[in-house]
Amino acid sequence: MVALSRVGKAVLQASLNGAFVWRLAAGRDCALTFDDGPHPVYTPQVLDLLATHRIKASFFLVGESALRAPDLVTRIAREGHCVASHTFSHRELPSLTRDELARELTSCRTVLRDLTGCDTDLIRPPRGRLGATSLLRIARWGYRLIHWSKTYSDYRQDGSAALLERIRRQGLESRDIALFHDNNAHTVEALREMLPAWRAAGRTFTILR
């Protein structure tokens, strides 16, 4: 497994010529990213909040889930957000053979292209886990792997109060790529409070490209 410390991620971003990204390269913007969707209940709520505050985000979608909610996928793209891959079936990349990895990436990319008309080379590894072999294969195949500089562990689903405490403690800074999941109510409630607060603090947001 690749040890993805902050230093390790910085080295990978500097050495892989754009094939690995964990922070935005320059500027004052932040990037909000959402994994594991689309979810039929919570993704629409996240989209409504983003629209209210005029914020664009990046959604790393699981191909199987996208097939079950095609209208949500097209809505994400139609509203100007980035649509990207979180693999087809959310299998951890280090466990996959070469052919399995290729199928996970190609199948999800094809689903998203068929639903939105947009092709994407962006991939977020399930649970953020990588092996050296899978990382090098992804780079050789022309994909760009997107990691993160801030995670607030909303996957714990331990309540909006606990999540808000982690968000406030860690903060959100220029060039951060922040990881969230659009599949639980606690994330929606935390964003309901934090999006206007970030806006009031002068935070600006961009999608990944």
N, C-alpha and C. Protein backbone atom coordinates (compact mmCIF):
# COMPACT_ATOMS: atom_id res chain seq x y z
N MET A 1 0.84 -1.20 0.00
CA MET A 1 0.00 0.00 0.00
C MET A 1 0.87 1.25 0.00
N VAL A 2 0.45 2.27 -0.76
CA VAL A 2 1.13 3.55 -0.73
C VAL A 2 0.75 4.28 0.55
N ALA A 3 1.75 4.75 1.30
CA ALA A 3 1.49 5.50 2.53
C ALA A 3 1.11 6.94 2.15
N LEU A 4 -0.17 7.25 2.31
CA LEU A 4 -0.66 8.54 1.83
C LEU A 4 -0.68 9.57 2.95
N SER A 5 0.51 9.85 3.49
CA SER A 5 0.66 10.98 4.39
C SER A 5 0.61 12.27 3.57
N ARG A 6 0.51 13.40 4.25
CA ARG A 6 0.52 14.68 3.54
C ARG A 6 1.81 14.83 2.72
N VAL A 7 2.93 14.44 3.32
CA VAL A 7 4.20 14.54 2.60
C VAL A 7 4.20 13.60 1.40
N GLY A 8 3.72 12.37 1.62
CA GLY A 8 3.68 11.42 0.52
C GLY A 8 2.79 11.89 -0.62
N LYS A 9 1.65 12.46 -0.29
CA LYS A 9 0.75 12.97 -1.32
C LYS A 9 1.38 14.14 -2.06
N ALA A 10 2.09 15.00 -1.35
CA ALA A 10 2.75 16.12 -2.00
C ALA A 10 3.81 15.63 -2.99
N VAL A 11 4.54 14.60 -2.60
CA VAL A 11 5.56 14.04 -3.49
C VAL A 11 4.92 13.43 -4.73
N LEU A 12 3.82 12.69 -4.53
CA LEU A 12 3.13 12.09 -5.68
C LEU A 12 2.61 13.16 -6.63
N GLN A 13 2.01 14.22 -6.08
CA GLN A 13 1.49 15.27 -6.97
C GLN A 13 2.61 15.93 -7.75
N ALA A 14 3.76 16.12 -7.10
CA ALA A 14 4.87 16.78 -7.78
C ALA A 14 5.54 15.90 -8.82
N SER A 15 5.47 14.58 -8.64
CA SER A 15 6.26 13.68 -9.49
C SER A 15 5.48 12.99 -10.58
N LEU A 16 4.15 13.00 -10.50
CA LEU A 16 3.36 12.22 -11.46
C LEU A 16 2.72 13.06 -12.56
N ASN A 17 3.17 14.28 -12.73
CA ASN A 17 2.77 15.11 -13.87
C ASN A 17 1.25 15.21 -14.04
N GLY A 18 0.55 15.49 -12.94
CA GLY A 18 -0.89 15.69 -13.01
C GLY A 18 -1.71 14.43 -12.86
N ALA A 19 -1.07 13.26 -12.78
CA ALA A 19 -1.82 12.01 -12.65
C ALA A 19 -2.30 11.77 -11.22
N PHE A 20 -1.78 12.53 -10.26
CA PHE A 20 -2.22 12.43 -8.87
C PHE A 20 -2.38 13.84 -8.33
N VAL A 21 -3.56 14.12 -7.76
CA VAL A 21 -3.85 15.45 -7.23
C VAL A 21 -4.46 15.30 -5.85
N TRP A 22 -3.94 16.04 -4.88
CA TRP A 22 -4.53 16.01 -3.54
C TRP A 22 -4.86 17.42 -3.05
N ARG A 23 -4.27 18.45 -3.68
CA ARG A 23 -4.61 19.84 -3.40
C ARG A 23 -4.66 20.58 -4.72
N LEU A 24 -5.46 21.65 -4.76
CA LEU A 24 -5.47 22.48 -5.95
C LEU A 24 -4.10 23.12 -6.13
N ALA A 25 -3.70 23.31 -7.36
CA ALA A 25 -2.33 23.73 -7.64
C ALA A 25 -2.06 25.17 -7.25
N ALA A 26 -3.07 26.04 -7.38
CA ALA A 26 -2.83 27.46 -7.14
C ALA A 26 -4.16 28.15 -6.89
N GLY A 27 -4.08 29.42 -6.45
CA GLY A 27 -5.28 30.23 -6.30
C GLY A 27 -5.87 30.18 -4.90
N ARG A 28 -7.04 30.78 -4.75
CA ARG A 28 -7.70 30.89 -3.45
C ARG A 28 -8.91 29.96 -3.33
N ASP A 29 -9.26 29.29 -4.41
CA ASP A 29 -10.45 28.45 -4.39
C ASP A 29 -10.25 27.20 -3.54
N CYS A 30 -11.37 26.61 -3.12
CA CYS A 30 -11.45 25.28 -2.53
C CYS A 30 -12.28 24.40 -3.47
N ALA A 31 -12.21 23.10 -3.26
CA ALA A 31 -13.04 22.17 -4.02
C ALA A 31 -13.78 21.25 -3.07
N LEU A 32 -15.11 21.26 -3.14
CA LEU A 32 -15.92 20.31 -2.39
C LEU A 32 -16.14 19.08 -3.25
N THR A 33 -15.88 17.91 -2.70
CA THR A 33 -16.07 16.67 -3.45
C THR A 33 -16.95 15.72 -2.64
N PHE A 34 -17.74 14.94 -3.38
CA PHE A 34 -18.70 14.01 -2.76
C PHE A 34 -18.51 12.62 -3.37
N ASP A 35 -18.35 11.63 -2.50
CA ASP A 35 -18.15 10.25 -2.92
C ASP A 35 -19.39 9.40 -2.64
N ASP A 36 -19.46 8.27 -3.34
CA ASP A 36 -20.38 7.16 -3.07
C ASP A 36 -21.78 7.34 -3.61
N GLY A 37 -22.07 8.45 -4.28
CA GLY A 37 -23.39 8.65 -4.84
C GLY A 37 -23.50 8.05 -6.24
N PRO A 38 -24.65 8.35 -6.87
CA PRO A 38 -25.73 9.17 -6.35
C PRO A 38 -26.65 8.39 -5.41
N HIS A 39 -27.15 9.10 -4.39
CA HIS A 39 -28.09 8.53 -3.44
C HIS A 39 -29.47 9.12 -3.72
N PRO A 40 -30.52 8.31 -3.80
CA PRO A 40 -31.82 8.83 -4.22
C PRO A 40 -32.43 9.85 -3.26
N VAL A 41 -32.06 9.81 -1.98
CA VAL A 41 -32.62 10.73 -1.00
C VAL A 41 -31.71 11.92 -0.75
N TYR A 42 -30.44 11.67 -0.50
CA TYR A 42 -29.56 12.72 0.01
C TYR A 42 -28.84 13.51 -1.08
N THR A 43 -28.55 12.89 -2.22
CA THR A 43 -27.91 13.66 -3.30
C THR A 43 -28.79 14.82 -3.75
N PRO A 44 -30.11 14.66 -3.95
CA PRO A 44 -30.92 15.83 -4.31
C PRO A 44 -30.87 16.93 -3.26
N GLN A 45 -30.80 16.57 -1.98
CA GLN A 45 -30.73 17.58 -0.93
C GLN A 45 -29.41 18.33 -0.99
N VAL A 46 -28.33 17.61 -1.24
CA VAL A 46 -27.02 18.27 -1.40
C VAL A 46 -27.06 19.22 -2.60
N LEU A 47 -27.63 18.77 -3.69
CA LEU A 47 -27.71 19.61 -4.89
C LEU A 47 -28.55 20.86 -4.63
N ASP A 48 -29.64 20.71 -3.89
CA ASP A 48 -30.47 21.87 -3.56
C ASP A 48 -29.68 22.90 -2.75
N LEU A 49 -28.91 22.43 -1.76
CA LEU A 49 -28.11 23.33 -0.95
C LEU A 49 -27.04 24.03 -1.77
N LEU A 50 -26.37 23.28 -2.63
CA LEU A 50 -25.34 23.88 -3.48
C LEU A 50 -25.95 24.94 -4.39
N ALA A 51 -27.13 24.66 -4.93
CA ALA A 51 -27.79 25.64 -5.80
C ALA A 51 -28.16 26.89 -5.03
N THR A 52 -28.67 26.73 -3.81
CA THR A 52 -29.05 27.88 -2.99
C THR A 52 -27.88 28.81 -2.77
N HIS A 53 -26.70 28.25 -2.56
CA HIS A 53 -25.52 29.07 -2.25
C HIS A 53 -24.61 29.28 -3.46
N ARG A 54 -25.09 28.87 -4.63
CA ARG A 54 -24.36 29.09 -5.89
C ARG A 54 -22.93 28.54 -5.82
N ILE A 55 -22.85 27.31 -5.38
CA ILE A 55 -21.57 26.62 -5.25
C ILE A 55 -21.56 25.41 -6.19
N LYS A 56 -20.48 25.26 -6.91
CA LYS A 56 -20.29 24.07 -7.75
C LYS A 56 -19.36 23.10 -7.04
N ALA A 57 -19.61 21.82 -7.23
CA ALA A 57 -18.84 20.78 -6.55
C ALA A 57 -18.52 19.66 -7.54
N SER A 58 -17.78 18.68 -7.06
CA SER A 58 -17.39 17.53 -7.88
C SER A 58 -17.93 16.26 -7.23
N PHE A 59 -18.62 15.45 -8.03
CA PHE A 59 -19.27 14.24 -7.54
C PHE A 59 -18.57 13.02 -8.13
N PHE A 60 -18.00 12.18 -7.26
CA PHE A 60 -17.35 10.95 -7.68
C PHE A 60 -18.37 9.82 -7.50
N LEU A 61 -18.90 9.37 -8.62
CA LEU A 61 -20.07 8.49 -8.63
C LEU A 61 -19.68 7.04 -8.85
N VAL A 62 -20.41 6.15 -8.17
CA VAL A 62 -20.25 4.71 -8.36
C VAL A 62 -21.11 4.31 -9.56
N GLY A 63 -20.52 3.60 -10.51
CA GLY A 63 -21.23 3.27 -11.74
C GLY A 63 -22.52 2.52 -11.51
N GLU A 64 -22.52 1.53 -10.63
CA GLU A 64 -23.73 0.77 -10.33
C GLU A 64 -24.83 1.68 -9.80
N SER A 65 -24.48 2.60 -8.93
CA SER A 65 -25.48 3.53 -8.38
C SER A 65 -25.97 4.49 -9.44
N ALA A 66 -25.08 4.90 -10.32
CA ALA A 66 -25.47 5.81 -11.40
C ALA A 66 -26.51 5.16 -12.31
N LEU A 67 -26.35 3.88 -12.57
CA LEU A 67 -27.32 3.18 -13.41
C LEU A 67 -28.69 3.10 -12.75
N ARG A 68 -28.72 3.07 -11.42
CA ARG A 68 -29.99 3.01 -10.71
C ARG A 68 -30.66 4.38 -10.57
N ALA A 69 -29.91 5.45 -10.79
CA ALA A 69 -30.46 6.80 -10.64
C ALA A 69 -29.98 7.71 -11.77
N PRO A 70 -30.28 7.35 -13.02
CA PRO A 70 -29.74 8.10 -14.15
C PRO A 70 -30.19 9.56 -14.17
N ASP A 71 -31.41 9.84 -13.72
CA ASP A 71 -31.88 11.23 -13.72
C ASP A 71 -31.05 12.10 -12.78
N LEU A 72 -30.60 11.53 -11.68
CA LEU A 72 -29.76 12.29 -10.76
C LEU A 72 -28.40 12.60 -11.39
N VAL A 73 -27.86 11.63 -12.10
CA VAL A 73 -26.57 11.86 -12.76
C VAL A 73 -26.68 12.98 -13.78
N THR A 74 -27.74 12.96 -14.57
CA THR A 74 -27.90 14.02 -15.56
C THR A 74 -28.16 15.36 -14.88
N ARG A 75 -28.86 15.35 -13.74
CA ARG A 75 -29.07 16.61 -13.02
C ARG A 75 -27.75 17.19 -12.52
N ILE A 76 -26.88 16.34 -11.97
CA ILE A 76 -25.59 16.81 -11.48
C ILE A 76 -24.83 17.52 -12.60
N ALA A 77 -24.77 16.88 -13.76
CA ALA A 77 -24.05 17.48 -14.88
C ALA A 77 -24.76 18.73 -15.39
N ARG A 78 -26.08 18.67 -15.48
CA ARG A 78 -26.85 19.81 -16.02
C ARG A 78 -26.67 21.06 -15.16
N GLU A 79 -26.50 20.88 -13.86
CA GLU A 79 -26.37 22.03 -12.96
C GLU A 79 -24.93 22.52 -12.84
N GLY A 80 -24.04 21.98 -13.68
CA GLY A 80 -22.70 22.53 -13.78
C GLY A 80 -21.67 21.95 -12.84
N HIS A 81 -22.00 20.84 -12.20
CA HIS A 81 -21.05 20.19 -11.32
C HIS A 81 -20.18 19.22 -12.12
N CYS A 82 -19.05 18.86 -11.55
CA CYS A 82 -18.17 17.87 -12.17
C CYS A 82 -18.69 16.48 -11.87
N VAL A 83 -18.77 15.65 -12.89
CA VAL A 83 -19.14 14.24 -12.74
C VAL A 83 -17.88 13.41 -12.99
N ALA A 84 -17.50 12.59 -12.02
CA ALA A 84 -16.27 11.82 -12.12
C ALA A 84 -16.49 10.42 -11.55
N SER A 85 -15.48 9.57 -11.68
CA SER A 85 -15.62 8.15 -11.38
C SER A 85 -15.16 7.80 -9.97
N HIS A 86 -15.95 6.94 -9.34
CA HIS A 86 -15.57 6.32 -8.06
C HIS A 86 -15.57 4.80 -8.24
N THR A 87 -15.25 4.38 -9.45
CA THR A 87 -15.25 3.00 -9.94
C THR A 87 -16.68 2.50 -10.17
N PHE A 88 -16.79 1.34 -10.79
CA PHE A 88 -18.11 0.82 -11.12
C PHE A 88 -18.79 0.17 -9.92
N SER A 89 -18.05 -0.57 -9.10
CA SER A 89 -18.69 -1.31 -8.01
C SER A 89 -18.06 -1.06 -6.65
N HIS A 90 -17.22 -0.01 -6.55
CA HIS A 90 -16.65 0.41 -5.27
C HIS A 90 -15.76 -0.66 -4.66
N ARG A 91 -15.00 -1.35 -5.47
CA ARG A 91 -14.02 -2.32 -4.97
C ARG A 91 -12.70 -1.60 -4.73
N GLU A 92 -12.01 -1.98 -3.66
CA GLU A 92 -10.74 -1.33 -3.34
C GLU A 92 -9.69 -1.69 -4.39
N LEU A 93 -9.00 -0.68 -4.89
CA LEU A 93 -8.12 -0.87 -6.04
C LEU A 93 -6.95 -1.82 -5.80
N PRO A 94 -6.30 -1.80 -4.61
CA PRO A 94 -5.16 -2.71 -4.45
C PRO A 94 -5.51 -4.18 -4.54
N SER A 95 -6.78 -4.52 -4.37
CA SER A 95 -7.19 -5.92 -4.40
C SER A 95 -7.45 -6.43 -5.82
N LEU A 96 -7.40 -5.56 -6.82
CA LEU A 96 -7.83 -5.92 -8.16
C LEU A 96 -6.67 -6.37 -9.04
N THR A 97 -6.94 -7.34 -9.89
CA THR A 97 -5.99 -7.68 -10.95
C THR A 97 -5.99 -6.57 -11.99
N ARG A 98 -5.05 -6.67 -12.91
CA ARG A 98 -4.98 -5.67 -13.98
C ARG A 98 -6.29 -5.60 -14.75
N ASP A 99 -6.83 -6.76 -15.14
CA ASP A 99 -8.07 -6.77 -15.92
C ASP A 99 -9.26 -6.27 -15.11
N GLU A 100 -9.31 -6.63 -13.84
CA GLU A 100 -10.41 -6.16 -12.99
C GLU A 100 -10.35 -4.65 -12.83
N LEU A 101 -9.16 -4.11 -12.63
CA LEU A 101 -9.01 -2.66 -12.51
C LEU A 101 -9.46 -1.97 -13.78
N ALA A 102 -9.03 -2.50 -14.91
CA ALA A 102 -9.43 -1.90 -16.19
C ALA A 102 -10.94 -1.90 -16.35
N ARG A 103 -11.60 -3.02 -15.97
CA ARG A 103 -13.06 -3.08 -16.09
C ARG A 103 -13.74 -2.09 -15.16
N GLU A 104 -13.25 -1.96 -13.92
CA GLU A 104 -13.85 -1.02 -12.97
C GLU A 104 -13.79 0.41 -13.51
N LEU A 105 -12.66 0.77 -14.07
CA LEU A 105 -12.49 2.14 -14.56
C LEU A 105 -13.26 2.36 -15.86
N THR A 106 -13.12 1.44 -16.81
CA THR A 106 -13.75 1.62 -18.11
C THR A 106 -15.27 1.56 -18.00
N SER A 107 -15.80 0.64 -17.20
CA SER A 107 -17.25 0.51 -17.09
C SER A 107 -17.87 1.76 -16.49
N CYS A 108 -17.28 2.29 -15.44
CA CYS A 108 -17.85 3.50 -14.83
C CYS A 108 -17.73 4.68 -15.78
N ARG A 109 -16.59 4.81 -16.43
CA ARG A 109 -16.40 5.93 -17.37
C ARG A 109 -17.43 5.87 -18.49
N THR A 110 -17.71 4.68 -18.99
CA THR A 110 -18.69 4.52 -20.07
C THR A 110 -20.09 4.88 -19.59
N VAL A 111 -20.47 4.42 -18.40
CA VAL A 111 -21.79 4.74 -17.85
C VAL A 111 -21.96 6.26 -17.74
N LEU A 112 -20.99 6.93 -17.17
CA LEU A 112 -21.10 8.38 -16.97
C LEU A 112 -21.13 9.12 -18.31
N ARG A 113 -20.35 8.66 -19.27
CA ARG A 113 -20.37 9.29 -20.59
C ARG A 113 -21.71 9.08 -21.28
N ASP A 114 -22.26 7.89 -21.17
CA ASP A 114 -23.55 7.62 -21.81
C ASP A 114 -24.67 8.44 -21.19
N LEU A 115 -24.60 8.68 -19.88
CA LEU A 115 -25.67 9.40 -19.20
C LEU A 115 -25.56 10.91 -19.36
N THR A 116 -24.35 11.43 -19.46
CA THR A 116 -24.16 12.88 -19.46
C THR A 116 -23.62 13.45 -20.75
N GLY A 117 -23.05 12.61 -21.61
CA GLY A 117 -22.39 13.12 -22.80
C GLY A 117 -21.00 13.67 -22.53
N CYS A 118 -20.56 13.60 -21.28
CA CYS A 118 -19.25 14.13 -20.89
C CYS A 118 -18.31 12.97 -20.55
N ASP A 119 -17.11 13.03 -21.11
CA ASP A 119 -16.11 12.01 -20.79
C ASP A 119 -15.24 12.53 -19.64
N THR A 120 -14.86 11.67 -18.74
CA THR A 120 -14.03 12.09 -17.61
C THR A 120 -12.86 11.15 -17.44
N ASP A 121 -11.70 11.72 -17.13
CA ASP A 121 -10.54 10.91 -16.79
C ASP A 121 -10.22 10.99 -15.30
N LEU A 122 -11.14 11.57 -14.52
CA LEU A 122 -10.92 11.72 -13.08
C LEU A 122 -11.43 10.48 -12.35
N ILE A 123 -10.63 9.99 -11.40
CA ILE A 123 -10.99 8.82 -10.63
C ILE A 123 -10.64 9.06 -9.17
N ARG A 124 -11.56 8.71 -8.28
CA ARG A 124 -11.27 8.72 -6.84
C ARG A 124 -11.28 7.27 -6.37
N PRO A 125 -10.21 6.80 -5.73
CA PRO A 125 -10.16 5.40 -5.29
C PRO A 125 -11.10 5.15 -4.11
N PRO A 126 -11.87 4.08 -4.13
CA PRO A 126 -12.72 3.76 -2.98
C PRO A 126 -11.92 3.71 -1.68
N ARG A 127 -12.45 4.44 -0.67
CA ARG A 127 -11.83 4.56 0.65
C ARG A 127 -10.44 5.19 0.59
N GLY A 128 -10.09 5.75 -0.57
CA GLY A 128 -8.81 6.41 -0.71
C GLY A 128 -7.62 5.47 -0.78
N ARG A 129 -7.88 4.18 -0.91
CA ARG A 129 -6.81 3.19 -0.80
C ARG A 129 -6.16 2.91 -2.15
N LEU A 130 -4.84 2.86 -2.12
CA LEU A 130 -4.05 2.66 -3.33
C LEU A 130 -2.91 1.69 -3.07
N GLY A 131 -2.51 0.99 -4.09
CA GLY A 131 -1.26 0.27 -4.09
C GLY A 131 -0.37 0.87 -5.15
N ALA A 132 0.92 0.65 -5.03
CA ALA A 132 1.85 1.22 -6.02
C ALA A 132 1.52 0.74 -7.43
N THR A 133 1.16 -0.54 -7.56
CA THR A 133 0.87 -1.08 -8.89
C THR A 133 -0.38 -0.44 -9.48
N SER A 134 -1.45 -0.36 -8.69
CA SER A 134 -2.68 0.25 -9.22
C SER A 134 -2.48 1.72 -9.54
N LEU A 135 -1.71 2.42 -8.72
CA LEU A 135 -1.45 3.84 -8.98
C LEU A 135 -0.71 4.03 -10.30
N LEU A 136 0.31 3.23 -10.54
CA LEU A 136 1.08 3.37 -11.77
C LEU A 136 0.26 2.97 -12.99
N ARG A 137 -0.58 1.94 -12.84
CA ARG A 137 -1.45 1.56 -13.97
C ARG A 137 -2.42 2.68 -14.32
N ILE A 138 -3.03 3.26 -13.30
CA ILE A 138 -3.97 4.36 -13.54
C ILE A 138 -3.28 5.50 -14.27
N ALA A 139 -2.07 5.83 -13.85
CA ALA A 139 -1.32 6.91 -14.50
C ALA A 139 -0.99 6.55 -15.94
N ARG A 140 -0.55 5.32 -16.17
CA ARG A 140 -0.19 4.90 -17.54
C ARG A 140 -1.39 4.91 -18.46
N TRP A 141 -2.57 4.60 -17.93
CA TRP A 141 -3.78 4.55 -18.76
C TRP A 141 -4.40 5.92 -18.99
N GLY A 142 -3.77 6.96 -18.49
CA GLY A 142 -4.22 8.31 -18.79
C GLY A 142 -5.28 8.86 -17.87
N TYR A 143 -5.51 8.22 -16.73
CA TYR A 143 -6.45 8.75 -15.75
C TYR A 143 -5.73 9.70 -14.80
N ARG A 144 -6.51 10.55 -14.16
CA ARG A 144 -5.99 11.43 -13.11
C ARG A 144 -6.67 11.06 -11.80
N LEU A 145 -5.86 10.68 -10.84
CA LEU A 145 -6.38 10.21 -9.56
C LEU A 145 -6.50 11.40 -8.60
N ILE A 146 -7.70 11.59 -8.06
CA ILE A 146 -7.97 12.71 -7.17
C ILE A 146 -8.11 12.21 -5.73
N HIS A 147 -7.21 12.66 -4.87
CA HIS A 147 -7.30 12.33 -3.45
C HIS A 147 -7.88 13.56 -2.73
N TRP A 148 -7.44 13.86 -1.54
CA TRP A 148 -8.01 14.99 -0.80
C TRP A 148 -7.00 15.53 0.20
N SER A 149 -7.18 16.79 0.59
CA SER A 149 -6.36 17.39 1.63
C SER A 149 -7.12 17.53 2.95
N LYS A 150 -8.46 17.45 2.90
CA LYS A 150 -9.26 17.50 4.12
C LYS A 150 -10.35 16.43 4.05
N THR A 151 -10.44 15.65 5.10
CA THR A 151 -11.57 14.73 5.26
C THR A 151 -12.11 14.89 6.66
N TYR A 152 -13.41 14.99 6.76
CA TYR A 152 -14.07 15.21 8.05
C TYR A 152 -14.76 13.94 8.56
N SER A 153 -14.49 12.82 7.90
CA SER A 153 -14.96 11.50 8.34
C SER A 153 -16.48 11.44 8.49
N ASP A 154 -17.19 12.04 7.53
CA ASP A 154 -18.65 11.96 7.60
C ASP A 154 -19.16 10.55 7.34
N TYR A 155 -18.29 9.66 6.84
CA TYR A 155 -18.69 8.27 6.64
C TYR A 155 -19.04 7.60 7.98
N ARG A 156 -18.59 8.16 9.09
CA ARG A 156 -18.91 7.57 10.39
C ARG A 156 -20.40 7.64 10.69
N GLN A 157 -21.07 8.64 10.13
CA GLN A 157 -22.50 8.84 10.37
C GLN A 157 -22.79 8.85 11.88
N ASP A 158 -22.01 9.65 12.60
CA ASP A 158 -22.13 9.71 14.05
C ASP A 158 -22.83 10.97 14.53
N GLY A 159 -23.61 11.58 13.65
CA GLY A 159 -24.38 12.75 14.04
C GLY A 159 -23.84 14.04 13.46
N SER A 160 -24.74 14.98 13.19
CA SER A 160 -24.32 16.25 12.60
C SER A 160 -23.49 17.09 13.56
N ALA A 161 -23.75 17.00 14.87
CA ALA A 161 -22.99 17.79 15.84
C ALA A 161 -21.52 17.36 15.85
N ALA A 162 -21.28 16.06 15.86
CA ALA A 162 -19.90 15.56 15.83
C ALA A 162 -19.22 15.94 14.53
N LEU A 163 -19.95 15.84 13.43
CA LEU A 163 -19.38 16.20 12.14
C LEU A 163 -19.05 17.69 12.09
N LEU A 164 -19.95 18.52 12.55
CA LEU A 164 -19.69 19.96 12.56
C LEU A 164 -18.47 20.30 13.42
N GLU A 165 -18.30 19.61 14.54
CA GLU A 165 -17.14 19.86 15.38
C GLU A 165 -15.85 19.55 14.64
N ARG A 166 -15.83 18.46 13.88
CA ARG A 166 -14.63 18.11 13.12
C ARG A 166 -14.38 19.13 12.01
N ILE A 167 -15.43 19.55 11.33
CA ILE A 167 -15.28 20.53 10.26
C ILE A 167 -14.69 21.84 10.81
N ARG A 168 -15.24 22.30 11.92
CA ARG A 168 -14.76 23.57 12.49
C ARG A 168 -13.33 23.43 13.00
N ARG A 169 -13.00 22.29 13.57
CA ARG A 169 -11.65 22.10 14.11
C ARG A 169 -10.61 22.07 12.99
N GLN A 170 -10.92 21.39 11.89
CA GLN A 170 -9.95 21.24 10.81
C GLN A 170 -9.97 22.42 9.85
N GLY A 171 -11.12 23.07 9.74
CA GLY A 171 -11.22 24.22 8.86
C GLY A 171 -11.24 23.86 7.39
N LEU A 172 -11.34 24.88 6.56
CA LEU A 172 -11.29 24.75 5.11
C LEU A 172 -10.50 25.92 4.59
N GLU A 173 -9.41 25.63 3.88
CA GLU A 173 -8.48 26.66 3.46
C GLU A 173 -8.38 26.69 1.94
N SER A 174 -7.81 27.78 1.44
CA SER A 174 -7.55 27.89 0.01
C SER A 174 -6.76 26.67 -0.47
N ARG A 175 -7.13 26.17 -1.64
CA ARG A 175 -6.50 25.04 -2.32
C ARG A 175 -6.90 23.69 -1.74
N ASP A 176 -7.70 23.67 -0.66
CA ASP A 176 -8.14 22.39 -0.12
C ASP A 176 -9.06 21.66 -1.09
N ILE A 177 -8.90 20.36 -1.16
CA ILE A 177 -9.88 19.45 -1.75
C ILE A 177 -10.52 18.71 -0.59
N ALA A 178 -11.79 19.00 -0.33
CA ALA A 178 -12.48 18.48 0.85
C ALA A 178 -13.35 17.28 0.47
N LEU A 179 -13.24 16.22 1.24
CA LEU A 179 -13.99 14.99 1.00
C LEU A 179 -15.24 14.94 1.85
N PHE A 180 -16.38 14.73 1.17
CA PHE A 180 -17.65 14.44 1.82
C PHE A 180 -18.29 13.24 1.13
N HIS A 181 -19.42 12.79 1.69
CA HIS A 181 -20.20 11.71 1.09
C HIS A 181 -21.66 12.17 1.01
N ASP A 182 -22.26 12.04 -0.16
CA ASP A 182 -23.64 12.51 -0.34
C ASP A 182 -24.63 11.36 -0.15
N ASN A 183 -24.42 10.61 0.93
CA ASN A 183 -25.29 9.45 1.16
C ASN A 183 -25.79 9.37 2.60
N ASN A 184 -25.76 10.51 3.34
CA ASN A 184 -26.29 10.46 4.69
C ASN A 184 -26.82 11.81 5.14
N ALA A 185 -27.77 11.76 6.06
CA ALA A 185 -28.47 12.97 6.51
C ALA A 185 -27.57 13.90 7.30
N HIS A 186 -26.56 13.35 8.01
CA HIS A 186 -25.70 14.19 8.83
C HIS A 186 -24.87 15.14 7.98
N THR A 187 -24.42 14.67 6.82
CA THR A 187 -23.67 15.54 5.90
C THR A 187 -24.56 16.66 5.41
N VAL A 188 -25.79 16.34 5.06
CA VAL A 188 -26.72 17.38 4.60
C VAL A 188 -26.91 18.44 5.67
N GLU A 189 -27.13 18.03 6.92
CA GLU A 189 -27.35 18.99 8.00
C GLU A 189 -26.11 19.83 8.26
N ALA A 190 -24.95 19.22 8.22
CA ALA A 190 -23.71 19.98 8.43
C ALA A 190 -23.50 21.00 7.32
N LEU A 191 -23.76 20.60 6.09
CA LEU A 191 -23.60 21.53 4.97
C LEU A 191 -24.61 22.67 5.04
N ARG A 192 -25.78 22.39 5.56
CA ARG A 192 -26.80 23.43 5.70
C ARG A 192 -26.26 24.59 6.56
N GLU A 193 -25.42 24.25 7.52
CA GLU A 193 -24.82 25.28 8.38
C GLU A 193 -23.52 25.83 7.80
N MET A 194 -22.70 24.94 7.22
CA MET A 194 -21.35 25.36 6.84
C MET A 194 -21.30 26.10 5.51
N LEU A 195 -22.16 25.78 4.55
CA LEU A 195 -22.08 26.48 3.26
C LEU A 195 -22.26 27.98 3.41
N PRO A 196 -23.28 28.47 4.11
CA PRO A 196 -23.37 29.92 4.28
C PRO A 196 -22.24 30.48 5.12
N ALA A 197 -21.75 29.71 6.10
CA ALA A 197 -20.64 30.18 6.92
C ALA A 197 -19.37 30.33 6.08
N TRP A 198 -19.10 29.37 5.21
CA TRP A 198 -17.93 29.48 4.33
C TRP A 198 -18.08 30.65 3.38
N ARG A 199 -19.26 30.82 2.85
CA ARG A 199 -19.50 31.96 1.96
C ARG A 199 -19.24 33.28 2.70
N ALA A 200 -19.77 33.39 3.92
CA ALA A 200 -19.60 34.61 4.70
C ALA A 200 -18.12 34.88 5.02
N ALA A 201 -17.34 33.80 5.15
CA ALA A 201 -15.91 33.93 5.44
C ALA A 201 -15.08 34.21 4.19
N GLY A 202 -15.74 34.29 3.03
CA GLY A 202 -15.04 34.62 1.79
C GLY A 202 -14.49 33.44 1.03
N ARG A 203 -14.87 32.23 1.41
CA ARG A 203 -14.40 31.06 0.67
C ARG A 203 -15.03 31.04 -0.73
N THR A 204 -14.23 30.66 -1.71
CA THR A 204 -14.71 30.50 -3.07
C THR A 204 -14.44 29.06 -3.50
N PHE A 205 -15.23 28.59 -4.45
CA PHE A 205 -15.23 27.16 -4.78
C PHE A 205 -15.11 26.95 -6.28
N THR A 206 -14.49 25.83 -6.62
CA THR A 206 -14.34 25.46 -8.02
C THR A 206 -14.57 23.97 -8.17
N ILE A 207 -14.82 23.54 -9.39
CA ILE A 207 -14.91 22.11 -9.67
C ILE A 207 -13.55 21.62 -10.13
N LEU A 208 -13.35 20.33 -10.06
CA LEU A 208 -12.13 19.71 -10.57
C LEU A 208 -12.27 19.52 -12.08
N ARG A 209 -11.18 19.71 -12.76
CA ARG A 209 -11.21 19.63 -14.23
C ARG A 209 -10.09 18.74 -14.73
